[in-house]
Amino acid sequence: MSDDLRDLYQEVILEHARKPRNFRAIDAPETRVAEGYNRLCGDRLHVYVRVENGVITDVSFQGSGCAISTASASMMTQALKGRSVEDAENLYESFHELVTVGEGAGANGAPEVDLDKLEIFAGVREFPARVKCATLAWHTMHAALEAKTDAVVSTEE
């Protein structure tokens, strides 16, 4: 990773960690909620997803965690609003591939998805211990979409 890209990565992460977007609970009927917990570092968050007619109309999170965890959750909520559930699941797969294997959108047979600003997290794969921080909100969102009631996601290893 170039020094310029590393500086941009750090700047974006810190901005979203200091001022997370969509940091609130959604108190509305039919809101799907899941809790995520990273046992390695103690990051804990709740993701709230409101789906209407197959489209994510609102998504938010609350909790506490490191800068990477908070920034990832913040940017995830921005990326998901207005997307179909299917598009959200494809974005989830592409983001996970980006931070784990580095191949990004379209790898391993997943539909190609433009990660746009989320590509800034590609640098996380250089720090394997931080991958769980970056993916916690995403796994939690995935659980919320899959469940009709509260779900709990716990990362271990």
N, C-alpha and C. Protein backbone atom coordinates (compact mmCIF):
# COMPACT_ATOMS: atom_id res chain seq x y z
N MET A 1 0.85 -1.16 0.00
CA MET A 1 0.00 0.00 0.00
C MET A 1 0.90 1.23 0.00
N SER A 2 0.62 2.18 -0.90
CA SER A 2 1.43 3.39 -0.97
C SER A 2 1.21 4.26 0.26
N ASP A 3 2.16 5.15 0.51
CA ASP A 3 2.04 6.04 1.66
C ASP A 3 0.82 6.95 1.54
N ASP A 4 0.53 7.44 0.31
CA ASP A 4 -0.63 8.29 0.11
C ASP A 4 -1.93 7.55 0.41
N LEU A 5 -2.01 6.30 -0.06
CA LEU A 5 -3.20 5.50 0.19
C LEU A 5 -3.33 5.17 1.67
N ARG A 6 -2.23 4.87 2.32
CA ARG A 6 -2.24 4.58 3.75
C ARG A 6 -2.71 5.82 4.54
N ASP A 7 -2.26 7.01 4.15
CA ASP A 7 -2.69 8.24 4.82
C ASP A 7 -4.19 8.47 4.62
N LEU A 8 -4.67 8.24 3.40
CA LEU A 8 -6.10 8.39 3.13
C LEU A 8 -6.91 7.39 3.94
N TYR A 9 -6.45 6.16 3.99
CA TYR A 9 -7.09 5.11 4.78
C TYR A 9 -7.22 5.56 6.23
N GLN A 10 -6.14 6.03 6.80
CA GLN A 10 -6.16 6.46 8.20
C GLN A 10 -7.09 7.65 8.41
N GLU A 11 -7.08 8.58 7.48
CA GLU A 11 -7.92 9.77 7.58
C GLU A 11 -9.41 9.40 7.54
N VAL A 12 -9.79 8.56 6.61
CA VAL A 12 -11.20 8.15 6.49
C VAL A 12 -11.64 7.36 7.71
N ILE A 13 -10.82 6.43 8.15
CA ILE A 13 -11.15 5.62 9.33
C ILE A 13 -11.35 6.53 10.54
N LEU A 14 -10.43 7.44 10.77
CA LEU A 14 -10.52 8.32 11.94
C LEU A 14 -11.73 9.25 11.85
N GLU A 15 -12.05 9.76 10.67
CA GLU A 15 -13.21 10.63 10.51
C GLU A 15 -14.50 9.90 10.87
N HIS A 16 -14.67 8.69 10.37
CA HIS A 16 -15.88 7.92 10.67
C HIS A 16 -15.90 7.42 12.11
N ALA A 17 -14.74 7.18 12.69
CA ALA A 17 -14.69 6.74 14.08
C ALA A 17 -15.06 7.89 15.02
N ARG A 18 -14.61 9.08 14.69
CA ARG A 18 -14.91 10.25 15.53
C ARG A 18 -16.35 10.71 15.38
N LYS A 19 -16.87 10.65 14.16
CA LYS A 19 -18.22 11.13 13.85
C LYS A 19 -18.97 10.07 13.06
N PRO A 20 -19.35 8.98 13.73
CA PRO A 20 -20.02 7.91 12.98
C PRO A 20 -21.38 8.35 12.45
N ARG A 21 -21.66 7.93 11.24
CA ARG A 21 -22.95 8.21 10.61
C ARG A 21 -23.94 7.14 11.04
N ASN A 22 -25.20 7.53 11.16
CA ASN A 22 -26.30 6.60 11.49
C ASN A 22 -26.07 5.88 12.81
N PHE A 23 -25.50 6.56 13.77
CA PHE A 23 -25.25 6.00 15.10
C PHE A 23 -26.47 6.29 15.97
N ARG A 24 -27.42 5.36 15.91
CA ARG A 24 -28.68 5.50 16.65
C ARG A 24 -29.45 4.20 16.55
N ALA A 25 -30.42 4.05 17.42
CA ALA A 25 -31.32 2.90 17.33
C ALA A 25 -32.48 3.27 16.41
N ILE A 26 -33.05 2.28 15.79
CA ILE A 26 -34.28 2.48 15.02
C ILE A 26 -35.39 1.84 15.83
N ASP A 27 -36.30 2.65 16.28
CA ASP A 27 -37.41 2.17 17.09
C ASP A 27 -38.66 2.21 16.24
N ALA A 28 -38.80 1.22 15.39
CA ALA A 28 -39.95 1.15 14.50
C ALA A 28 -40.37 -0.31 14.37
N PRO A 29 -41.67 -0.53 14.14
CA PRO A 29 -42.13 -1.91 13.95
C PRO A 29 -41.39 -2.57 12.78
N GLU A 30 -41.23 -3.85 12.89
CA GLU A 30 -40.62 -4.64 11.81
C GLU A 30 -39.14 -4.36 11.59
N THR A 31 -38.49 -3.67 12.52
CA THR A 31 -37.05 -3.45 12.40
C THR A 31 -36.33 -4.73 12.82
N ARG A 32 -35.39 -5.15 12.01
CA ARG A 32 -34.59 -6.32 12.32
C ARG A 32 -33.35 -5.87 13.08
N VAL A 33 -33.05 -6.59 14.15
CA VAL A 33 -31.94 -6.20 15.02
C VAL A 33 -31.06 -7.41 15.27
N ALA A 34 -29.75 -7.18 15.25
CA ALA A 34 -28.81 -8.23 15.62
C ALA A 34 -27.71 -7.59 16.46
N GLU A 35 -27.13 -8.41 17.34
CA GLU A 35 -26.03 -7.97 18.18
C GLU A 35 -24.77 -8.66 17.72
N GLY A 36 -23.69 -7.90 17.63
CA GLY A 36 -22.39 -8.46 17.28
C GLY A 36 -21.41 -8.23 18.40
N TYR A 37 -20.55 -9.22 18.62
CA TYR A 37 -19.57 -9.12 19.69
C TYR A 37 -18.27 -9.77 19.24
N ASN A 38 -17.18 -9.04 19.36
CA ASN A 38 -15.85 -9.56 19.03
C ASN A 38 -15.16 -9.89 20.35
N ARG A 39 -15.05 -11.17 20.65
CA ARG A 39 -14.45 -11.60 21.91
C ARG A 39 -12.97 -11.26 22.02
N LEU A 40 -12.31 -11.11 20.89
CA LEU A 40 -10.88 -10.81 20.92
C LEU A 40 -10.58 -9.43 21.49
N CYS A 41 -11.40 -8.46 21.12
CA CYS A 41 -11.07 -7.09 21.54
C CYS A 41 -12.19 -6.40 22.31
N GLY A 42 -13.35 -7.03 22.39
CA GLY A 42 -14.44 -6.45 23.17
C GLY A 42 -15.38 -5.56 22.39
N ASP A 43 -15.17 -5.39 21.07
CA ASP A 43 -16.12 -4.60 20.27
C ASP A 43 -17.50 -5.22 20.39
N ARG A 44 -18.50 -4.38 20.60
CA ARG A 44 -19.88 -4.85 20.72
C ARG A 44 -20.79 -3.82 20.06
N LEU A 45 -21.67 -4.30 19.20
CA LEU A 45 -22.60 -3.38 18.56
C LEU A 45 -23.92 -4.05 18.22
N HIS A 46 -24.92 -3.21 18.03
CA HIS A 46 -26.23 -3.64 17.55
C HIS A 46 -26.43 -2.99 16.19
N VAL A 47 -26.94 -3.76 15.24
CA VAL A 47 -27.27 -3.24 13.92
C VAL A 47 -28.78 -3.34 13.76
N TYR A 48 -29.36 -2.24 13.31
CA TYR A 48 -30.81 -2.14 13.11
C TYR A 48 -31.05 -1.98 11.61
N VAL A 49 -31.92 -2.82 11.06
CA VAL A 49 -32.21 -2.76 9.63
C VAL A 49 -33.72 -2.74 9.43
N ARG A 50 -34.17 -1.75 8.72
CA ARG A 50 -35.60 -1.66 8.37
C ARG A 50 -35.72 -1.97 6.89
N VAL A 51 -36.53 -2.98 6.57
CA VAL A 51 -36.72 -3.41 5.19
C VAL A 51 -38.19 -3.26 4.83
N GLU A 52 -38.43 -2.62 3.70
CA GLU A 52 -39.79 -2.48 3.19
C GLU A 52 -39.79 -2.87 1.72
N ASN A 53 -40.64 -3.83 1.39
CA ASN A 53 -40.76 -4.30 0.00
C ASN A 53 -39.41 -4.71 -0.59
N GLY A 54 -38.58 -5.37 0.22
CA GLY A 54 -37.31 -5.89 -0.26
C GLY A 54 -36.20 -4.86 -0.37
N VAL A 55 -36.44 -3.64 0.13
CA VAL A 55 -35.45 -2.56 0.06
C VAL A 55 -35.12 -2.09 1.47
N ILE A 56 -33.84 -1.87 1.72
CA ILE A 56 -33.41 -1.35 3.02
C ILE A 56 -33.72 0.14 3.05
N THR A 57 -34.72 0.51 3.84
CA THR A 57 -35.13 1.91 3.92
C THR A 57 -34.38 2.66 5.01
N ASP A 58 -33.89 1.94 6.00
CA ASP A 58 -33.11 2.57 7.05
C ASP A 58 -32.20 1.53 7.67
N VAL A 59 -31.02 1.95 8.07
CA VAL A 59 -30.06 1.07 8.72
C VAL A 59 -29.20 1.93 9.64
N SER A 60 -28.93 1.41 10.82
CA SER A 60 -28.15 2.16 11.79
C SER A 60 -27.44 1.18 12.72
N PHE A 61 -26.64 1.75 13.63
CA PHE A 61 -25.95 0.90 14.60
C PHE A 61 -25.72 1.69 15.87
N GLN A 62 -25.49 0.95 16.94
CA GLN A 62 -25.09 1.51 18.22
C GLN A 62 -24.12 0.54 18.85
N GLY A 63 -23.26 1.05 19.69
CA GLY A 63 -22.34 0.19 20.41
C GLY A 63 -21.01 0.86 20.62
N SER A 64 -20.04 0.05 21.01
CA SER A 64 -18.70 0.57 21.24
C SER A 64 -17.69 -0.37 20.60
N GLY A 65 -16.63 0.24 20.11
CA GLY A 65 -15.59 -0.57 19.49
C GLY A 65 -14.42 0.30 19.09
N CYS A 66 -13.45 -0.33 18.50
CA CYS A 66 -12.26 0.37 18.04
C CYS A 66 -12.60 1.25 16.84
N ALA A 67 -11.63 2.04 16.41
CA ALA A 67 -11.83 2.95 15.29
C ALA A 67 -12.22 2.20 14.01
N ILE A 68 -11.58 1.07 13.75
CA ILE A 68 -11.88 0.32 12.53
C ILE A 68 -13.30 -0.24 12.58
N SER A 69 -13.69 -0.80 13.69
CA SER A 69 -15.03 -1.36 13.85
C SER A 69 -16.10 -0.28 13.68
N THR A 70 -15.91 0.84 14.34
CA THR A 70 -16.88 1.94 14.26
C THR A 70 -16.94 2.53 12.86
N ALA A 71 -15.79 2.76 12.25
CA ALA A 71 -15.76 3.32 10.90
C ALA A 71 -16.40 2.37 9.89
N SER A 72 -16.15 1.10 10.03
CA SER A 72 -16.73 0.12 9.12
C SER A 72 -18.26 0.12 9.25
N ALA A 73 -18.76 0.15 10.47
CA ALA A 73 -20.21 0.18 10.70
C ALA A 73 -20.81 1.46 10.12
N SER A 74 -20.15 2.57 10.34
CA SER A 74 -20.63 3.85 9.83
C SER A 74 -20.71 3.85 8.31
N MET A 75 -19.65 3.42 7.66
CA MET A 75 -19.63 3.41 6.20
C MET A 75 -20.58 2.36 5.63
N MET A 76 -20.74 1.25 6.35
CA MET A 76 -21.68 0.22 5.92
C MET A 76 -23.10 0.80 5.87
N THR A 77 -23.49 1.52 6.92
CA THR A 77 -24.86 2.05 6.94
C THR A 77 -25.09 3.01 5.78
N GLN A 78 -24.09 3.81 5.46
CA GLN A 78 -24.23 4.72 4.33
C GLN A 78 -24.36 3.96 3.01
N ALA A 79 -23.62 2.89 2.89
CA ALA A 79 -23.61 2.13 1.64
C ALA A 79 -24.89 1.32 1.43
N LEU A 80 -25.57 0.97 2.50
CA LEU A 80 -26.72 0.07 2.38
C LEU A 80 -28.07 0.75 2.19
N LYS A 81 -28.22 1.97 2.65
CA LYS A 81 -29.52 2.65 2.55
C LYS A 81 -29.97 2.73 1.10
N GLY A 82 -31.19 2.29 0.87
CA GLY A 82 -31.77 2.35 -0.46
C GLY A 82 -31.46 1.14 -1.34
N ARG A 83 -30.64 0.23 -0.88
CA ARG A 83 -30.31 -0.97 -1.66
C ARG A 83 -31.34 -2.07 -1.39
N SER A 84 -31.48 -2.93 -2.37
CA SER A 84 -32.32 -4.11 -2.16
C SER A 84 -31.59 -5.06 -1.21
N VAL A 85 -32.32 -5.95 -0.60
CA VAL A 85 -31.72 -6.93 0.29
C VAL A 85 -30.71 -7.77 -0.50
N GLU A 86 -31.04 -8.13 -1.72
CA GLU A 86 -30.12 -8.91 -2.54
C GLU A 86 -28.83 -8.15 -2.81
N ASP A 87 -28.94 -6.86 -3.13
CA ASP A 87 -27.74 -6.04 -3.34
C ASP A 87 -26.91 -5.93 -2.07
N ALA A 88 -27.60 -5.82 -0.92
CA ALA A 88 -26.90 -5.73 0.36
C ALA A 88 -26.12 -7.00 0.64
N GLU A 89 -26.71 -8.15 0.34
CA GLU A 89 -26.02 -9.43 0.55
C GLU A 89 -24.82 -9.55 -0.38
N ASN A 90 -24.96 -9.09 -1.63
CA ASN A 90 -23.83 -9.12 -2.56
C ASN A 90 -22.71 -8.19 -2.09
N LEU A 91 -23.07 -7.04 -1.55
CA LEU A 91 -22.08 -6.11 -1.03
C LEU A 91 -21.38 -6.71 0.18
N TYR A 92 -22.13 -7.39 1.03
CA TYR A 92 -21.57 -8.09 2.20
C TYR A 92 -20.50 -9.09 1.75
N GLU A 93 -20.83 -9.90 0.75
CA GLU A 93 -19.89 -10.91 0.25
C GLU A 93 -18.64 -10.25 -0.35
N SER A 94 -18.84 -9.22 -1.14
CA SER A 94 -17.71 -8.55 -1.78
C SER A 94 -16.81 -7.86 -0.76
N PHE A 95 -17.41 -7.23 0.25
CA PHE A 95 -16.61 -6.57 1.28
C PHE A 95 -15.79 -7.61 2.05
N HIS A 96 -16.43 -8.71 2.38
CA HIS A 96 -15.73 -9.77 3.13
C HIS A 96 -14.54 -10.29 2.32
N GLU A 97 -14.74 -10.52 1.04
CA GLU A 97 -13.65 -10.99 0.19
C GLU A 97 -12.54 -9.95 0.08
N LEU A 98 -12.91 -8.68 0.01
CA LEU A 98 -11.92 -7.61 -0.09
C LEU A 98 -10.98 -7.60 1.10
N VAL A 99 -11.53 -7.72 2.31
CA VAL A 99 -10.69 -7.60 3.52
C VAL A 99 -10.05 -8.92 3.94
N THR A 100 -10.50 -10.02 3.38
CA THR A 100 -9.91 -11.30 3.77
C THR A 100 -8.94 -11.85 2.73
N VAL A 101 -9.33 -11.88 1.47
CA VAL A 101 -8.47 -12.45 0.44
C VAL A 101 -7.93 -11.42 -0.53
N GLY A 102 -8.49 -10.22 -0.47
CA GLY A 102 -7.98 -9.13 -1.29
C GLY A 102 -8.42 -9.14 -2.73
N GLU A 103 -9.33 -10.03 -3.08
CA GLU A 103 -9.75 -10.09 -4.47
C GLU A 103 -10.90 -9.15 -4.76
N GLY A 104 -11.68 -8.80 -3.76
CA GLY A 104 -12.74 -7.82 -3.92
C GLY A 104 -13.92 -8.30 -4.73
N ALA A 105 -14.62 -7.36 -5.32
CA ALA A 105 -15.87 -7.62 -6.01
C ALA A 105 -15.70 -8.63 -7.13
N GLY A 106 -16.62 -9.57 -7.18
CA GLY A 106 -16.64 -10.55 -8.24
C GLY A 106 -15.77 -11.77 -8.01
N ALA A 107 -15.05 -11.81 -6.93
CA ALA A 107 -14.19 -12.95 -6.64
C ALA A 107 -15.02 -14.14 -6.18
N ASN A 108 -14.47 -15.30 -6.32
CA ASN A 108 -15.11 -16.54 -5.86
C ASN A 108 -16.55 -16.70 -6.33
N GLY A 109 -16.85 -16.20 -7.53
CA GLY A 109 -18.18 -16.38 -8.11
C GLY A 109 -19.25 -15.44 -7.60
N ALA A 110 -18.92 -14.53 -6.70
CA ALA A 110 -19.89 -13.56 -6.21
C ALA A 110 -20.18 -12.56 -7.32
N PRO A 111 -21.43 -12.05 -7.38
CA PRO A 111 -21.73 -11.04 -8.39
C PRO A 111 -20.82 -9.82 -8.20
N GLU A 112 -20.42 -9.21 -9.30
CA GLU A 112 -19.54 -8.06 -9.20
C GLU A 112 -20.30 -6.87 -8.63
N VAL A 113 -19.72 -6.27 -7.61
CA VAL A 113 -20.32 -5.14 -6.92
C VAL A 113 -19.29 -4.04 -6.81
N ASP A 114 -19.70 -2.81 -7.07
CA ASP A 114 -18.79 -1.68 -6.91
C ASP A 114 -18.74 -1.31 -5.44
N LEU A 115 -17.60 -1.51 -4.83
CA LEU A 115 -17.44 -1.22 -3.40
C LEU A 115 -17.25 0.27 -3.13
N ASP A 116 -16.91 1.03 -4.15
CA ASP A 116 -16.77 2.47 -4.04
C ASP A 116 -15.88 2.85 -2.85
N LYS A 117 -16.36 3.66 -1.94
CA LYS A 117 -15.56 4.15 -0.81
C LYS A 117 -15.13 3.04 0.14
N LEU A 118 -15.84 1.93 0.14
CA LEU A 118 -15.51 0.82 1.04
C LEU A 118 -14.16 0.18 0.70
N GLU A 119 -13.67 0.42 -0.51
CA GLU A 119 -12.39 -0.15 -0.90
C GLU A 119 -11.25 0.36 -0.04
N ILE A 120 -11.49 1.42 0.70
CA ILE A 120 -10.47 1.95 1.60
C ILE A 120 -10.08 0.91 2.65
N PHE A 121 -10.98 -0.05 2.93
CA PHE A 121 -10.71 -1.08 3.92
C PHE A 121 -9.83 -2.21 3.39
N ALA A 122 -9.43 -2.15 2.15
CA ALA A 122 -8.54 -3.18 1.60
C ALA A 122 -7.26 -3.29 2.41
N GLY A 123 -6.82 -2.19 2.98
CA GLY A 123 -5.60 -2.19 3.78
C GLY A 123 -5.70 -3.01 5.06
N VAL A 124 -6.90 -3.30 5.51
CA VAL A 124 -7.09 -4.07 6.74
C VAL A 124 -6.49 -5.47 6.59
N ARG A 125 -6.53 -6.02 5.40
CA ARG A 125 -6.02 -7.39 5.24
C ARG A 125 -4.54 -7.50 5.55
N GLU A 126 -3.82 -6.38 5.58
CA GLU A 126 -2.41 -6.38 5.98
C GLU A 126 -2.26 -6.63 7.48
N PHE A 127 -3.35 -6.51 8.22
CA PHE A 127 -3.35 -6.68 9.67
C PHE A 127 -4.42 -7.70 10.04
N PRO A 128 -4.11 -9.00 9.91
CA PRO A 128 -5.13 -10.05 10.10
C PRO A 128 -5.92 -9.94 11.41
N ALA A 129 -5.32 -9.46 12.45
CA ALA A 129 -6.03 -9.34 13.72
C ALA A 129 -7.14 -8.29 13.64
N ARG A 130 -7.06 -7.38 12.67
CA ARG A 130 -8.05 -6.31 12.55
C ARG A 130 -9.19 -6.65 11.59
N VAL A 131 -9.07 -7.75 10.86
CA VAL A 131 -10.12 -8.12 9.91
C VAL A 131 -11.45 -8.32 10.62
N LYS A 132 -11.43 -8.94 11.79
CA LYS A 132 -12.67 -9.15 12.55
C LYS A 132 -13.29 -7.83 12.97
N CYS A 133 -12.45 -6.84 13.23
CA CYS A 133 -12.96 -5.51 13.58
C CYS A 133 -13.72 -4.91 12.40
N ALA A 134 -13.13 -5.03 11.22
CA ALA A 134 -13.73 -4.45 10.02
C ALA A 134 -14.99 -5.19 9.59
N THR A 135 -15.07 -6.48 9.86
CA THR A 135 -16.21 -7.27 9.38
C THR A 135 -17.32 -7.46 10.41
N LEU A 136 -17.11 -7.07 11.65
CA LEU A 136 -18.11 -7.30 12.69
C LEU A 136 -19.48 -6.72 12.33
N ALA A 137 -19.52 -5.47 11.92
CA ALA A 137 -20.80 -4.84 11.57
C ALA A 137 -21.46 -5.55 10.39
N TRP A 138 -20.65 -5.98 9.44
CA TRP A 138 -21.17 -6.65 8.25
C TRP A 138 -21.78 -8.01 8.59
N HIS A 139 -21.09 -8.78 9.43
CA HIS A 139 -21.65 -10.06 9.86
C HIS A 139 -22.94 -9.85 10.65
N THR A 140 -22.95 -8.80 11.45
CA THR A 140 -24.12 -8.50 12.26
C THR A 140 -25.29 -8.06 11.38
N MET A 141 -25.02 -7.23 10.37
CA MET A 141 -26.06 -6.83 9.43
C MET A 141 -26.62 -8.05 8.70
N HIS A 142 -25.74 -8.94 8.27
CA HIS A 142 -26.16 -10.15 7.59
C HIS A 142 -27.09 -10.98 8.48
N ALA A 143 -26.73 -11.11 9.75
CA ALA A 143 -27.59 -11.84 10.70
C ALA A 143 -28.93 -11.15 10.87
N ALA A 144 -28.93 -9.83 10.91
CA ALA A 144 -30.19 -9.09 11.05
C ALA A 144 -31.09 -9.32 9.83
N LEU A 145 -30.50 -9.35 8.65
CA LEU A 145 -31.31 -9.59 7.44
C LEU A 145 -31.86 -11.01 7.41
N GLU A 146 -31.11 -11.96 7.94
CA GLU A 146 -31.53 -13.36 7.93
C GLU A 146 -32.60 -13.66 8.97
N ALA A 147 -32.62 -12.91 10.04
CA ALA A 147 -33.50 -13.21 11.17
C ALA A 147 -34.70 -12.28 11.19
N LYS A 148 -35.80 -12.79 11.66
CA LYS A 148 -36.99 -11.97 11.85
C LYS A 148 -36.99 -11.38 13.26
N THR A 149 -36.22 -11.95 14.16
CA THR A 149 -36.13 -11.46 15.53
C THR A 149 -34.67 -11.22 15.85
N ASP A 150 -34.39 -10.85 17.07
CA ASP A 150 -33.01 -10.57 17.48
C ASP A 150 -32.09 -11.76 17.21
N ALA A 151 -30.91 -11.47 16.70
CA ALA A 151 -29.90 -12.48 16.46
C ALA A 151 -28.62 -12.02 17.12
N VAL A 152 -27.77 -12.94 17.47
CA VAL A 152 -26.49 -12.62 18.11
C VAL A 152 -25.36 -13.21 17.27
N VAL A 153 -24.38 -12.38 16.95
CA VAL A 153 -23.20 -12.81 16.21
C VAL A 153 -22.02 -12.65 17.13
N SER A 154 -21.21 -13.68 17.23
CA SER A 154 -20.02 -13.62 18.07
C SER A 154 -18.83 -14.09 17.26
N THR A 155 -17.82 -13.22 17.16
CA THR A 155 -16.62 -13.61 16.44
C THR A 155 -15.63 -14.18 17.42
N GLU A 156 -15.03 -15.28 17.07
CA GLU A 156 -14.03 -15.93 17.91
C GLU A 156 -12.80 -16.19 17.07
N GLU A 157 -11.81 -16.77 17.60
CA GLU A 157 -10.55 -17.16 16.94
C GLU A 157 -9.45 -16.25 17.33
